Amino acid sequence: MHGSLLTALVWSVIPAVLLLAGIYYLDRYEKEPGRLILIALGAGAIVAPLLTAGIQELFDVPNTLRTSQAFVIPEFVNANQAIIEELVRGVVLLGVFFIVRYELDDVLDGLVYGAVVGVGFGLTANFWVIWNTPDILGGPSTHTLASTVLASLNWVFYSGVIGLFLGFARRSSTGRVILMALAGTAVALGFHLLHDYLPVWAAVDKNDVQTSGVGKLLTDLPNILGLVALAIIAVWTTGREKLIVARELQEEVSSGVVTPDDYKAITNPGRRFSALASAIGKGMDRWRLTRRLYVLEVELAFRKHHDKSDRTTPAQLLTPDEYRSRIVETRAALGGTAATEPAS
């Protein structure tokens, strides 16, 4: 089966779909626009691998896409691979950042776009290594569906770290953004090198790290701990977003712009899912309008938060009163009654 085009497609697409679903769920309060997610995915799946392969070829470094993050083979370990790969992903993520910057409401959004770039890179890398590597060192390939998921998690982790640093700099000057991108890339590179070299250092047989139980454990331990840390940060930032939305919309409920039912749905993902599921049962137009209403209300909350806490507000955002007017219009289109027309 290994080396077949079908296997390569299935075993690279399934991890990508699973990881994208997890990222979509994580970004629960204000979903990033689909077109921007596709840009980040394309940058990770096409731009980053091509740049990585081209630069590695230029400097006579083994191609990253011909090795796997699922396990470590000493003969294939090359620090230049990791250095080039992380620098390229850092540059690509920096480019993505400047495209999507106006959509970054919190640190979580930087993590989301970084993770999506990592999913794209893992999609291409898994496809290429499975399709072109039917046998490794004379034996059957050790690739399994589980190993491709694990390899994809590593790339999501490295890119997520860079995205996290960029998220912290979302409203900073261009110079500080570049410095944060370099810092994130350096941290990601450190974890990448630990993943590649720690098992070799700890192995009894330096030519076969799989003979060492400690080597096997250490292969992914740094990245697992890093992923746990990212998960903790993601949970914290998600909770922080909920508090921001809840706090900023309380005044809107009092003034009648946001209804109590909308407020409960927006601040409770379960209620929101139920409301959208109920809306889709009444037709796609109803679902689109309901979803648009929730998006406008959440964007209003983040706009107010930006005005209070950030040095600058993205020019692409509407003013609070413009958001209020669109909320009233959308609710009217749904057939509901707007409690209060916003003051001009």
C-alpha atoms as a PDB file:
ATOM      1  CA  MET A   1       0.000   0.000   0.000  1.00  0.00           C
ATOM      2  CA  HIS A   2       2.818   2.421   0.779  1.00  0.00           C
ATOM      3  CA  GLY A   3       3.912   4.410  -2.203  1.00  0.00           C
ATOM      4  CA  SER A   4       0.446   4.360  -3.788  1.00  0.00           C
ATOM      5  CA  LEU A   5      -1.134   7.648  -4.795  1.00  0.00           C
ATOM      6  CA  LEU A   6      -4.441   6.736  -3.124  1.00  0.00           C
ATOM      7  CA  THR A   7      -2.767   5.911   0.207  1.00  0.00           C
ATOM      8  CA  ALA A   8      -0.790   9.144   0.091  1.00  0.00           C
ATOM      9  CA  LEU A   9      -3.934  11.160  -0.575  1.00  0.00           C
ATOM     10  CA  VAL A  10      -6.049   9.503   2.109  1.00  0.00           C
ATOM     11  CA  TRP A  11      -3.384   9.451   4.812  1.00  0.00           C
ATOM     12  CA  SER A  12      -2.459  13.079   4.252  1.00  0.00           C
ATOM     13  CA  VAL A  13      -5.996  14.463   3.877  1.00  0.00           C
ATOM     14  CA  ILE A  14      -7.539  12.703   6.906  1.00  0.00           C
ATOM     15  CA  PRO A  15      -5.121  14.225   9.473  1.00  0.00           C
ATOM     16  CA  ALA A  16      -5.556  17.636   7.827  1.00  0.00           C
ATOM     17  CA  VAL A  17      -9.353  17.426   8.021  1.00  0.00           C
ATOM     18  CA  LEU A  18      -9.272  16.264  11.654  1.00  0.00           C
ATOM     19  CA  LEU A  19      -6.884  19.035  12.669  1.00  0.00           C
ATOM     20  CA  LEU A  20      -8.836  21.716  10.789  1.00  0.00           C
ATOM     21  CA  ALA A  21     -12.015  20.552  12.532  1.00  0.00           C
ATOM     22  CA  GLY A  22     -10.284  20.896  15.897  1.00  0.00           C
ATOM     23  CA  ILE A  23      -9.000  24.383  15.014  1.00  0.00           C
ATOM     24  CA  TYR A  24     -12.474  25.408  13.805  1.00  0.00           C
ATOM     25  CA  TYR A  25     -13.978  24.317  17.106  1.00  0.00           C
ATOM     26  CA  LEU A  26     -11.287  26.123  19.081  1.00  0.00           C
ATOM     27  CA  ASP A  27     -12.032  29.414  17.314  1.00  0.00           C
ATOM     28  CA  ARG A  28     -15.601  29.377  18.576  1.00  0.00           C
ATOM     29  CA  TYR A  29     -16.505  32.999  19.318  1.00  0.00           C
ATOM     30  CA  GLU A  30     -15.542  34.702  16.086  1.00  0.00           C
ATOM     31  CA  LYS A  31     -14.803  32.331  13.232  1.00  0.00           C
ATOM     32  CA  GLU A  32     -12.131  33.543  10.877  1.00  0.00           C
ATOM     33  CA  PRO A  33     -13.338  34.220   7.300  1.00  0.00           C
ATOM     34  CA  GLY A  34     -13.156  31.123   5.121  1.00  0.00           C
ATOM     35  CA  ARG A  35     -11.207  32.904   2.380  1.00  0.00           C
ATOM     36  CA  LEU A  36      -8.468  33.885   4.833  1.00  0.00           C
ATOM     37  CA  ILE A  37      -8.280  30.373   6.254  1.00  0.00           C
ATOM     38  CA  LEU A  38      -7.882  29.096   2.679  1.00  0.00           C
ATOM     39  CA  ILE A  39      -5.090  31.614   2.090  1.00  0.00           C
ATOM     40  CA  ALA A  40      -3.275  30.379   5.197  1.00  0.00           C
ATOM     41  CA  LEU A  41      -3.849  26.742   4.227  1.00  0.00           C
ATOM     42  CA  GLY A  42      -2.593  27.363   0.699  1.00  0.00           C
ATOM     43  CA  ALA A  43       0.455  29.222   1.998  1.00  0.00           C
ATOM     44  CA  GLY A  44       1.278  26.245   4.195  1.00  0.00           C
ATOM     45  CA  ALA A  45       0.500  23.558   1.612  1.00  0.00           C
ATOM     46  CA  ILE A  46       2.000  25.185  -1.500  1.00  0.00           C
ATOM     47  CA  VAL A  47       4.186  28.218  -0.849  1.00  0.00           C
ATOM     48  CA  ALA A  48       6.107  26.978   2.199  1.00  0.00           C
ATOM     49  CA  PRO A  49       6.937  23.483   0.819  1.00  0.00           C
ATOM     50  CA  LEU A  50       8.054  24.875  -2.544  1.00  0.00           C
ATOM     51  CA  LEU A  51      10.262  27.506  -0.919  1.00  0.00           C
ATOM     52  CA  THR A  52      11.665  24.963   1.531  1.00  0.00           C
ATOM     53  CA  ALA A  53      12.465  22.447  -1.217  1.00  0.00           C
ATOM     54  CA  GLY A  54      13.973  25.125  -3.455  1.00  0.00           C
ATOM     55  CA  ILE A  55      16.259  26.573  -0.773  1.00  0.00           C
ATOM     56  CA  GLN A  56      17.320  23.131   0.445  1.00  0.00           C
ATOM     57  CA  GLU A  57      18.154  22.159  -3.124  1.00  0.00           C
ATOM     58  CA  LEU A  58      20.121  25.370  -3.574  1.00  0.00           C
ATOM     59  CA  PHE A  59      22.258  24.655  -0.496  1.00  0.00           C
ATOM     60  CA  ASP A  60      22.493  20.898  -1.136  1.00  0.00           C
ATOM     61  CA  VAL A  61      20.493  20.054   1.998  1.00  0.00           C
ATOM     62  CA  PRO A  62      18.349  16.879   2.051  1.00  0.00           C
ATOM     63  CA  ASN A  63      14.741  17.637   1.161  1.00  0.00           C
ATOM     64  CA  THR A  64      12.527  17.982   4.239  1.00  0.00           C
ATOM     65  CA  LEU A  65       9.576  16.532   2.352  1.00  0.00           C
ATOM     66  CA  ARG A  66      11.444  13.262   1.892  1.00  0.00           C
ATOM     67  CA  THR A  67      11.729  12.675   5.640  1.00  0.00           C
ATOM     68  CA  SER A  68       9.054  12.221   8.259  1.00  0.00           C
ATOM     69  CA  GLN A  69       8.327  13.890  11.576  1.00  0.00           C
ATOM     70  CA  ALA A  70       6.752  10.637  12.775  1.00  0.00           C
ATOM     71  CA  PHE A  71      10.083   9.021  13.681  1.00  0.00           C
ATOM     72  CA  VAL A  72      13.801   9.804  13.749  1.00  0.00           C
ATOM     73  CA  ILE A  73      16.401   8.085  11.559  1.00  0.00           C
ATOM     74  CA  PRO A  74      19.946   9.184  12.504  1.00  0.00           C
ATOM     75  CA  GLU A  75      21.227   9.079   8.921  1.00  0.00           C
ATOM     76  CA  PHE A  76      18.530  11.562   7.888  1.00  0.00           C
ATOM     77  CA  VAL A  77      18.958  13.996  10.793  1.00  0.00           C
ATOM     78  CA  ASN A  78      20.305  17.277   9.474  1.00  0.00           C
ATOM     79  CA  ALA A  79      20.122  20.523  11.438  1.00  0.00           C
ATOM     80  CA  ASN A  80      20.107  22.565   8.234  1.00  0.00           C
ATOM     81  CA  GLN A  81      16.811  20.954   7.290  1.00  0.00           C
ATOM     82  CA  ALA A  82      15.116  22.230  10.428  1.00  0.00           C
ATOM     83  CA  ILE A  83      16.745  25.668  10.173  1.00  0.00           C
ATOM     84  CA  ILE A  84      15.615  26.225   6.583  1.00  0.00           C
ATOM     85  CA  GLU A  85      12.176  24.791   7.217  1.00  0.00           C
ATOM     86  CA  GLU A  86      11.443  26.978  10.243  1.00  0.00           C
ATOM     87  CA  LEU A  87      12.863  30.117   8.645  1.00  0.00           C
ATOM     88  CA  VAL A  88      10.684  29.570   5.590  1.00  0.00           C
ATOM     89  CA  ARG A  89       7.571  28.954   7.688  1.00  0.00           C
ATOM     90  CA  GLY A  90       8.399  32.055   9.705  1.00  0.00           C
ATOM     91  CA  VAL A  91       8.603  34.170   6.541  1.00  0.00           C
ATOM     92  CA  VAL A  92       5.429  32.615   5.103  1.00  0.00           C
ATOM     93  CA  LEU A  93       3.545  33.177   8.351  1.00  0.00           C
ATOM     94  CA  LEU A  94       4.750  36.766   8.431  1.00  0.00           C
ATOM     95  CA  GLY A  95       3.299  37.225   4.942  1.00  0.00           C
ATOM     96  CA  VAL A  96       0.018  35.624   5.996  1.00  0.00           C
ATOM     97  CA  PHE A  97      -0.020  37.841   9.088  1.00  0.00           C
ATOM     98  CA  PHE A  98       0.083  41.048   7.036  1.00  0.00           C
ATOM     99  CA  ILE A  99      -2.781  39.748   4.867  1.00  0.00           C
ATOM    100  CA  VAL A 100      -5.043  38.754   7.772  1.00  0.00           C
ATOM    101  CA  ARG A 101      -3.864  41.293  10.356  1.00  0.00           C
ATOM    102  CA  TYR A 102      -7.125  43.253  10.405  1.00  0.00           C
ATOM    103  CA  GLU A 103      -8.957  40.058  11.448  1.00  0.00           C
ATOM    104  CA  LEU A 104      -6.742  39.347  14.468  1.00  0.00           C
ATOM    105  CA  ASP A 105      -8.856  40.200  17.510  1.00  0.00           C
ATOM    106  CA  ASP A 106      -6.817  38.326  20.092  1.00  0.00           C
ATOM    107  CA  VAL A 107      -3.762  36.131  20.628  1.00  0.00           C
ATOM    108  CA  LEU A 108      -5.904  33.093  19.817  1.00  0.00           C
ATOM    109  CA  ASP A 109      -6.353  34.258  16.220  1.00  0.00           C
ATOM    110  CA  GLY A 110      -2.587  34.302  15.688  1.00  0.00           C
ATOM    111  CA  LEU A 111      -2.418  30.759  17.005  1.00  0.00           C
ATOM    112  CA  VAL A 112      -5.266  29.729  14.682  1.00  0.00           C
ATOM    113  CA  TYR A 113      -3.621  31.073  11.510  1.00  0.00           C
ATOM    114  CA  GLY A 114      -0.260  29.612  12.517  1.00  0.00           C
ATOM    115  CA  ALA A 115      -1.844  26.216  13.126  1.00  0.00           C
ATOM    116  CA  VAL A 116      -3.632  26.315   9.755  1.00  0.00           C
ATOM    117  CA  VAL A 117      -0.328  27.020   7.981  1.00  0.00           C
ATOM    118  CA  GLY A 118       1.101  24.017   9.847  1.00  0.00           C
ATOM    119  CA  VAL A 119      -1.826  21.850   8.742  1.00  0.00           C
ATOM    120  CA  GLY A 120      -1.157  22.837   5.136  1.00  0.00           C
ATOM    121  CA  PHE A 121       2.552  22.072   5.395  1.00  0.00           C
ATOM    122  CA  GLY A 122       1.807  18.712   7.030  1.00  0.00           C
ATOM    123  CA  LEU A 123      -0.710  17.879   4.304  1.00  0.00           C
ATOM    124  CA  THR A 124       1.916  18.301   1.584  1.00  0.00           C
ATOM    125  CA  ALA A 125       4.754  16.722   3.558  1.00  0.00           C
ATOM    126  CA  ASN A 126       2.750  13.638   4.522  1.00  0.00           C
ATOM    127  CA  PHE A 127       1.524  13.192   0.959  1.00  0.00           C
ATOM    128  CA  TRP A 128       5.006  13.472  -0.510  1.00  0.00           C
ATOM    129  CA  VAL A 129       6.813  11.241   1.975  1.00  0.00           C
ATOM    130  CA  ILE A 130       4.191   8.465   1.764  1.00  0.00           C
ATOM    131  CA  TRP A 131       3.937   8.590  -2.012  1.00  0.00           C
ATOM    132  CA  ASN A 132       7.707   8.586  -2.552  1.00  0.00           C
ATOM    133  CA  THR A 133       8.868   6.338   0.303  1.00  0.00           C
ATOM    134  CA  PRO A 134       7.562   2.779  -0.060  1.00  0.00           C
ATOM    135  CA  ASP A 135      10.530   1.364   1.882  1.00  0.00           C
ATOM    136  CA  ILE A 136      12.894   2.870   4.423  1.00  0.00           C
ATOM    137  CA  LEU A 137      16.399   1.491   4.835  1.00  0.00           C
ATOM    138  CA  GLY A 138      15.455  -1.714   3.062  1.00  0.00           C
ATOM    139  CA  GLY A 139      12.437  -2.534   5.234  1.00  0.00           C
ATOM    140  CA  PRO A 140       8.719  -1.851   5.101  1.00  0.00           C
ATOM    141  CA  SER A 141       7.692   1.729   5.749  1.00  0.00           C
ATOM    142  CA  THR A 142       6.634   2.377   9.303  1.00  0.00           C
ATOM    143  CA  HIS A 143       4.098   4.989   8.229  1.00  0.00           C
ATOM    144  CA  THR A 144       0.612   4.448   9.596  1.00  0.00           C
ATOM    145  CA  LEU A 145      -2.420   6.688   9.738  1.00  0.00           C
ATOM    146  CA  ALA A 146      -1.572   7.359  13.392  1.00  0.00           C
ATOM    147  CA  SER A 147       1.993   8.333  12.497  1.00  0.00           C
ATOM    148  CA  THR A 148       0.794  10.837   9.885  1.00  0.00           C
ATOM    149  CA  VAL A 149      -1.516  12.425  12.452  1.00  0.00           C
ATOM    150  CA  LEU A 150       1.424  12.657  14.863  1.00  0.00           C
ATOM    151  CA  ALA A 151       3.673  14.144  12.191  1.00  0.00           C
ATOM    152  CA  SER A 152       0.975  16.704  11.333  1.00  0.00           C
ATOM    153  CA  LEU A 153       0.686  17.670  15.002  1.00  0.00           C
ATOM    154  CA  ASN A 154       4.403  18.478  15.021  1.00  0.00           C
ATOM    155  CA  TRP A 155       4.074  20.889  12.102  1.00  0.00           C
ATOM    156  CA  VAL A 156       0.944  22.418  13.637  1.00  0.00           C
ATOM    157  CA  PHE A 157       2.910  22.918  16.852  1.00  0.00           C
ATOM    158  CA  TYR A 158       5.925  24.591  15.198  1.00  0.00           C
ATOM    159  CA  SER A 159       3.759  26.920  13.112  1.00  0.00           C
ATOM    160  CA  GLY A 160       1.364  27.529  15.995  1.00  0.00           C
ATOM    161  CA  VAL A 161       4.236  28.783  18.143  1.00  0.00           C
ATOM    162  CA  ILE A 162       5.198  31.335  15.471  1.00  0.00           C
ATOM    163  CA  GLY A 163       1.560  32.346  15.040  1.00  0.00           C
ATOM    164  CA  LEU A 164       1.208  32.787  18.801  1.00  0.00           C
ATOM    165  CA  PHE A 165       4.130  35.226  18.895  1.00  0.00           C
ATOM    166  CA  LEU A 166       2.645  37.146  15.961  1.00  0.00           C
ATOM    167  CA  GLY A 167      -0.705  37.230  17.748  1.00  0.00           C
ATOM    168  CA  PHE A 168       0.930  39.058  20.638  1.00  0.00           C
ATOM    169  CA  ALA A 169       2.197  41.673  18.151  1.00  0.00           C
ATOM    170  CA  ARG A 170      -1.069  42.067  16.254  1.00  0.00           C
ATOM    171  CA  ARG A 171      -1.357  45.824  16.970  1.00  0.00           C
ATOM    172  CA  SER A 172       2.357  46.608  17.132  1.00  0.00           C
ATOM    173  CA  SER A 173       4.630  48.435  14.730  1.00  0.00           C
ATOM    174  CA  THR A 174       6.048  46.599  11.730  1.00  0.00           C
ATOM    175  CA  GLY A 175       9.467  46.405  13.362  1.00  0.00           C
ATOM    176  CA  ARG A 176       8.103  44.753  16.501  1.00  0.00           C
ATOM    177  CA  VAL A 177       6.039  42.353  14.390  1.00  0.00           C
ATOM    178  CA  ILE A 178       9.205  41.212  12.588  1.00  0.00           C
ATOM    179  CA  LEU A 179      11.048  40.836  15.909  1.00  0.00           C
ATOM    180  CA  MET A 180       8.205  38.709  17.308  1.00  0.00           C
ATOM    181  CA  ALA A 181       8.219  36.588  14.139  1.00  0.00           C
ATOM    182  CA  LEU A 182      11.961  35.989  14.623  1.00  0.00           C
ATOM    183  CA  ALA A 183      11.443  35.134  18.297  1.00  0.00           C
ATOM    184  CA  GLY A 184       8.625  32.697  17.482  1.00  0.00           C
ATOM    185  CA  THR A 185      10.708  31.116  14.722  1.00  0.00           C
ATOM    186  CA  ALA A 186      13.645  30.694  17.122  1.00  0.00           C
ATOM    187  CA  VAL A 187      11.450  28.952  19.708  1.00  0.00           C
ATOM    188  CA  ALA A 188       9.885  26.710  17.042  1.00  0.00           C
ATOM    189  CA  LEU A 189      13.361  25.866  15.726  1.00  0.00           C
ATOM    190  CA  GLY A 190      14.504  24.958  19.228  1.00  0.00           C
ATOM    191  CA  PHE A 191      11.659  22.481  19.627  1.00  0.00           C
ATOM    192  CA  HIS A 192      12.259  21.130  16.117  1.00  0.00           C
ATOM    193  CA  LEU A 193      15.939  20.464  16.845  1.00  0.00           C
ATOM    194  CA  LEU A 194      15.062  18.829  20.180  1.00  0.00           C
ATOM    195  CA  HIS A 195      12.631  16.545  18.332  1.00  0.00           C
ATOM    196  CA  ASP A 196      15.333  15.563  15.832  1.00  0.00           C
ATOM    197  CA  TYR A 197      18.365  15.211  18.098  1.00  0.00           C
ATOM    198  CA  LEU A 198      17.183  14.329  21.614  1.00  0.00           C
ATOM    199  CA  PRO A 199      16.327  10.695  20.722  1.00  0.00           C
ATOM    200  CA  VAL A 200      19.740  10.266  19.059  1.00  0.00           C
ATOM    201  CA  TRP A 201      21.556  11.651  22.093  1.00  0.00           C
ATOM    202  CA  ALA A 202      19.646   9.349  24.449  1.00  0.00           C
ATOM    203  CA  ALA A 203      19.729   6.183  22.322  1.00  0.00           C
ATOM    204  CA  VAL A 204      21.912   3.229  23.304  1.00  0.00           C
ATOM    205  CA  ASP A 205      22.514   2.457  19.644  1.00  0.00           C
ATOM    206  CA  LYS A 206      23.127   5.754  17.865  1.00  0.00           C
ATOM    207  CA  ASN A 207      22.339   4.109  14.537  1.00  0.00           C
ATOM    208  CA  ASP A 208      18.915   2.875  15.638  1.00  0.00           C
ATOM    209  CA  VAL A 209      17.086   5.069  18.127  1.00  0.00           C
ATOM    210  CA  GLN A 210      14.159   2.655  18.066  1.00  0.00           C
ATOM    211  CA  THR A 211      16.230   0.149  20.063  1.00  0.00           C
ATOM    212  CA  SER A 212      16.142   2.521  23.017  1.00  0.00           C
ATOM    213  CA  GLY A 213      12.973   2.851  25.030  1.00  0.00           C
ATOM    214  CA  VAL A 214      14.168   6.224  26.225  1.00  0.00           C
ATOM    215  CA  GLY A 215      14.877   7.223  22.639  1.00  0.00           C
ATOM    216  CA  LYS A 216      11.377   6.287  21.587  1.00  0.00           C
ATOM    217  CA  LEU A 217       9.911   8.265  24.470  1.00  0.00           C
ATOM    218  CA  LEU A 218      12.036  11.321  23.764  1.00  0.00           C
ATOM    219  CA  THR A 219      11.232  11.382  20.052  1.00  0.00           C
ATOM    220  CA  ASP A 220       8.069  13.377  20.603  1.00  0.00           C
ATOM    221  CA  LEU A 221       8.180  14.277  24.302  1.00  0.00           C
ATOM    222  CA  PRO A 222       9.314  17.908  23.770  1.00  0.00           C
ATOM    223  CA  ASN A 223       6.598  18.483  21.190  1.00  0.00           C
ATOM    224  CA  ILE A 224       3.939  16.746  23.273  1.00  0.00           C
ATOM    225  CA  LEU A 225       4.788  18.994  26.221  1.00  0.00           C
ATOM    226  CA  GLY A 226       4.764  21.982  23.870  1.00  0.00           C
ATOM    227  CA  LEU A 227       1.378  21.000  22.466  1.00  0.00           C
ATOM    228  CA  VAL A 228       0.024  20.694  26.010  1.00  0.00           C
ATOM    229  CA  ALA A 229       1.337  24.207  26.721  1.00  0.00           C
ATOM    230  CA  LEU A 230      -0.310  25.524  23.531  1.00  0.00           C
ATOM    231  CA  ALA A 231      -3.559  23.791  24.502  1.00  0.00           C
ATOM    232  CA  ILE A 232      -3.474  25.487  27.914  1.00  0.00           C
ATOM    233  CA  ILE A 233      -2.853  28.859  26.248  1.00  0.00           C
ATOM    234  CA  ALA A 234      -5.677  28.181  23.768  1.00  0.00           C
ATOM    235  CA  VAL A 235      -8.117  27.338  26.576  1.00  0.00           C
ATOM    236  CA  TRP A 236      -7.058  30.466  28.458  1.00  0.00           C
ATOM    237  CA  THR A 237      -7.431  32.730  25.428  1.00  0.00           C
ATOM    238  CA  THR A 238     -10.809  31.176  24.541  1.00  0.00           C
ATOM    239  CA  GLY A 239     -12.020  31.890  28.074  1.00  0.00           C
ATOM    240  CA  ARG A 240     -10.633  35.417  27.790  1.00  0.00           C
ATOM    241  CA  GLU A 241     -12.525  35.974  24.539  1.00  0.00           C
ATOM    242  CA  LYS A 242     -15.731  34.824  26.213  1.00  0.00           C
ATOM    243  CA  LEU A 243     -15.217  37.354  29.022  1.00  0.00           C
ATOM    244  CA  ILE A 244     -14.528  40.139  26.498  1.00  0.00           C
ATOM    245  CA  VAL A 245     -17.661  39.381  24.499  1.00  0.00           C
ATOM    246  CA  ALA A 246     -19.807  39.049  27.629  1.00  0.00           C
ATOM    247  CA  ARG A 247     -18.510  42.274  29.157  1.00  0.00           C
ATOM    248  CA  GLU A 248     -18.700  44.428  26.045  1.00  0.00           C
ATOM    249  CA  LEU A 249     -22.205  43.317  25.069  1.00  0.00           C
ATOM    250  CA  GLN A 250     -23.837  43.871  28.456  1.00  0.00           C
ATOM    251  CA  GLU A 251     -24.297  47.545  27.638  1.00  0.00           C
ATOM    252  CA  GLU A 252     -25.739  46.607  24.241  1.00  0.00           C
ATOM    253  CA  VAL A 253     -28.316  44.381  25.905  1.00  0.00           C
ATOM    254  CA  SER A 254     -29.270  47.206  28.265  1.00  0.00           C
ATOM    255  CA  SER A 255     -29.648  49.614  25.329  1.00  0.00           C
ATOM    256  CA  GLY A 256     -31.667  47.076  23.333  1.00  0.00           C
ATOM    257  CA  VAL A 257     -29.243  46.589  20.425  1.00  0.00           C
ATOM    258  CA  VAL A 258     -28.567  42.962  21.411  1.00  0.00           C
ATOM    259  CA  THR A 259     -31.443  40.855  22.683  1.00  0.00           C
ATOM    260  CA  PRO A 260     -31.110  38.748  25.854  1.00  0.00           C
ATOM    261  CA  ASP A 261     -31.576  35.591  23.763  1.00  0.00           C
ATOM    262  CA  ASP A 262     -28.766  36.602  21.411  1.00  0.00           C
ATOM    263  CA  TYR A 263     -26.534  37.404  24.367  1.00  0.00           C
ATOM    264  CA  LYS A 264     -27.107  33.953  25.878  1.00  0.00           C
ATOM    265  CA  ALA A 265     -26.415  32.274  22.517  1.00  0.00           C
ATOM    266  CA  ILE A 266     -23.249  34.249  21.803  1.00  0.00           C
ATOM    267  CA  THR A 267     -21.700  33.614  25.207  1.00  0.00           C
ATOM    268  CA  ASN A 268     -22.623  29.922  25.251  1.00  0.00           C
ATOM    269  CA  PRO A 269     -21.262  27.845  22.319  1.00  0.00           C
ATOM    270  CA  GLY A 270     -23.797  25.090  22.984  1.00  0.00           C
ATOM    271  CA  ARG A 271     -26.718  27.526  22.776  1.00  0.00           C
ATOM    272  CA  ARG A 272     -25.242  29.123  19.685  1.00  0.00           C
ATOM    273  CA  PHE A 273     -24.878  25.766  17.947  1.00  0.00           C
ATOM    274  CA  SER A 274     -28.470  24.874  18.878  1.00  0.00           C
ATOM    275  CA  ALA A 275     -29.792  28.211  17.582  1.00  0.00           C
ATOM    276  CA  LEU A 276     -27.933  27.836  14.274  1.00  0.00           C
ATOM    277  CA  ALA A 277     -29.090  24.227  13.924  1.00  0.00           C
ATOM    278  CA  SER A 278     -32.662  25.362  14.487  1.00  0.00           C
ATOM    279  CA  ALA A 279     -32.223  28.150  11.919  1.00  0.00           C
ATOM    280  CA  ILE A 280     -30.922  25.804   9.235  1.00  0.00           C
ATOM    281  CA  GLY A 281     -34.098  23.768   9.644  1.00  0.00           C
ATOM    282  CA  LYS A 282     -35.990  26.852   8.463  1.00  0.00           C
ATOM    283  CA  GLY A 283     -33.894  27.326   5.355  1.00  0.00           C
ATOM    284  CA  MET A 284     -30.402  28.409   4.369  1.00  0.00           C
ATOM    285  CA  ASP A 285     -31.366  32.081   4.143  1.00  0.00           C
ATOM    286  CA  ARG A 286     -32.520  32.011   7.754  1.00  0.00           C
ATOM    287  CA  TRP A 287     -29.310  30.268   8.806  1.00  0.00           C
ATOM    288  CA  ARG A 288     -27.109  32.787   6.971  1.00  0.00           C
ATOM    289  CA  LEU A 289     -28.913  35.751   8.506  1.00  0.00           C
ATOM    290  CA  THR A 290     -28.755  34.244  12.003  1.00  0.00           C
ATOM    291  CA  ARG A 291     -25.073  33.517  11.633  1.00  0.00           C
ATOM    292  CA  ARG A 292     -24.466  37.022  10.264  1.00  0.00           C
ATOM    293  CA  LEU A 293     -26.308  38.502  13.245  1.00  0.00           C
ATOM    294  CA  TYR A 294     -24.114  36.638  15.721  1.00  0.00           C
ATOM    295  CA  VAL A 295     -20.946  37.574  13.820  1.00  0.00           C
ATOM    296  CA  LEU A 296     -21.886  41.273  13.811  1.00  0.00           C
ATOM    297  CA  GLU A 297     -22.639  41.215  17.534  1.00  0.00           C
ATOM    298  CA  VAL A 298     -19.325  39.544  18.354  1.00  0.00           C
ATOM    299  CA  GLU A 299     -17.426  41.935  16.066  1.00  0.00           C
ATOM    300  CA  LEU A 300     -19.098  44.848  17.847  1.00  0.00           C
ATOM    301  CA  ALA A 301     -17.825  43.484  21.161  1.00  0.00           C
ATOM    302  CA  PHE A 302     -14.254  43.181  19.858  1.00  0.00           C
ATOM    303  CA  ARG A 303     -14.404  46.623  18.211  1.00  0.00           C
ATOM    304  CA  LYS A 304     -15.326  48.163  21.557  1.00  0.00           C
ATOM    305  CA  HIS A 305     -12.568  46.163  23.213  1.00  0.00           C
ATOM    306  CA  HIS A 306     -10.019  47.404  20.643  1.00  0.00           C
ATOM    307  CA  ASP A 307     -11.061  50.999  21.250  1.00  0.00           C
ATOM    308  CA  LYS A 308     -10.403  50.573  24.971  1.00  0.00           C
ATOM    309  CA  SER A 309      -7.242  48.490  24.993  1.00  0.00           C
ATOM    310  CA  ASP A 310      -5.333  48.645  21.700  1.00  0.00           C
ATOM    311  CA  ARG A 311      -3.128  51.439  20.436  1.00  0.00           C
ATOM    312  CA  THR A 312      -4.707  51.238  16.979  1.00  0.00           C
ATOM    313  CA  THR A 313      -7.886  49.816  15.507  1.00  0.00           C
ATOM    314  CA  PRO A 314      -7.786  48.160  12.053  1.00  0.00           C
ATOM    315  CA  ALA A 315      -9.235  50.488   9.420  1.00  0.00           C
ATOM    316  CA  GLN A 316     -11.273  47.633   7.947  1.00  0.00           C
ATOM    317  CA  LEU A 317     -13.436  47.417  11.069  1.00  0.00           C
ATOM    318  CA  LEU A 318     -16.691  49.340  11.169  1.00  0.00           C
ATOM    319  CA  THR A 319     -17.406  51.909  13.849  1.00  0.00           C
ATOM    320  CA  PRO A 320     -19.513  50.746  16.820  1.00  0.00           C
ATOM    321  CA  ASP A 321     -22.529  52.667  15.540  1.00  0.00           C
ATOM    322  CA  GLU A 322     -22.170  51.113  12.084  1.00  0.00           C
ATOM    323  CA  TYR A 323     -22.142  47.660  13.693  1.00  0.00           C
ATOM    324  CA  ARG A 324     -25.248  48.567  15.707  1.00  0.00           C
ATOM    325  CA  SER A 325     -27.082  49.691  12.579  1.00  0.00           C
ATOM    326  CA  ARG A 326     -26.213  46.480  10.731  1.00  0.00           C
ATOM    327  CA  ILE A 327     -27.335  44.407  13.715  1.00  0.00           C
ATOM    328  CA  VAL A 328     -30.707  46.178  13.672  1.00  0.00           C
ATOM    329  CA  GLU A 329     -31.019  45.697   9.896  1.00  0.00           C
ATOM    330  CA  THR A 330     -30.112  41.995  10.080  1.00  0.00           C
ATOM    331  CA  ARG A 331     -32.589  41.344  12.876  1.00  0.00           C
ATOM    332  CA  ALA A 332     -35.280  43.124  10.845  1.00  0.00           C
ATOM    333  CA  ALA A 333     -34.465  40.895   7.865  1.00  0.00           C
ATOM    334  CA  LEU A 334     -34.951  37.890  10.144  1.00  0.00           C
ATOM    335  CA  GLY A 335     -38.413  39.177  10.970  1.00  0.00           C
ATOM    336  CA  GLY A 336     -37.508  40.105  14.533  1.00  0.00           C
ATOM    337  CA  THR A 337     -38.065  43.410  16.219  1.00  0.00           C
ATOM    338  CA  ALA A 338     -35.060  45.522  17.009  1.00  0.00           C
ATOM    339  CA  ALA A 339     -35.407  46.782  20.540  1.00  0.00           C
ATOM    340  CA  THR A 340     -33.865  50.142  19.914  1.00  0.00           C
ATOM    341  CA  GLU A 341     -32.583  51.971  16.844  1.00  0.00           C
ATOM    342  CA  PRO A 342     -28.998  53.047  17.545  1.00  0.00           C
ATOM    343  CA  ALA A 343     -28.469  56.743  17.987  1.00  0.00           C
ATOM    344  CA  SER A 344     -26.757  58.530  15.141  1.00  0.00           C
END
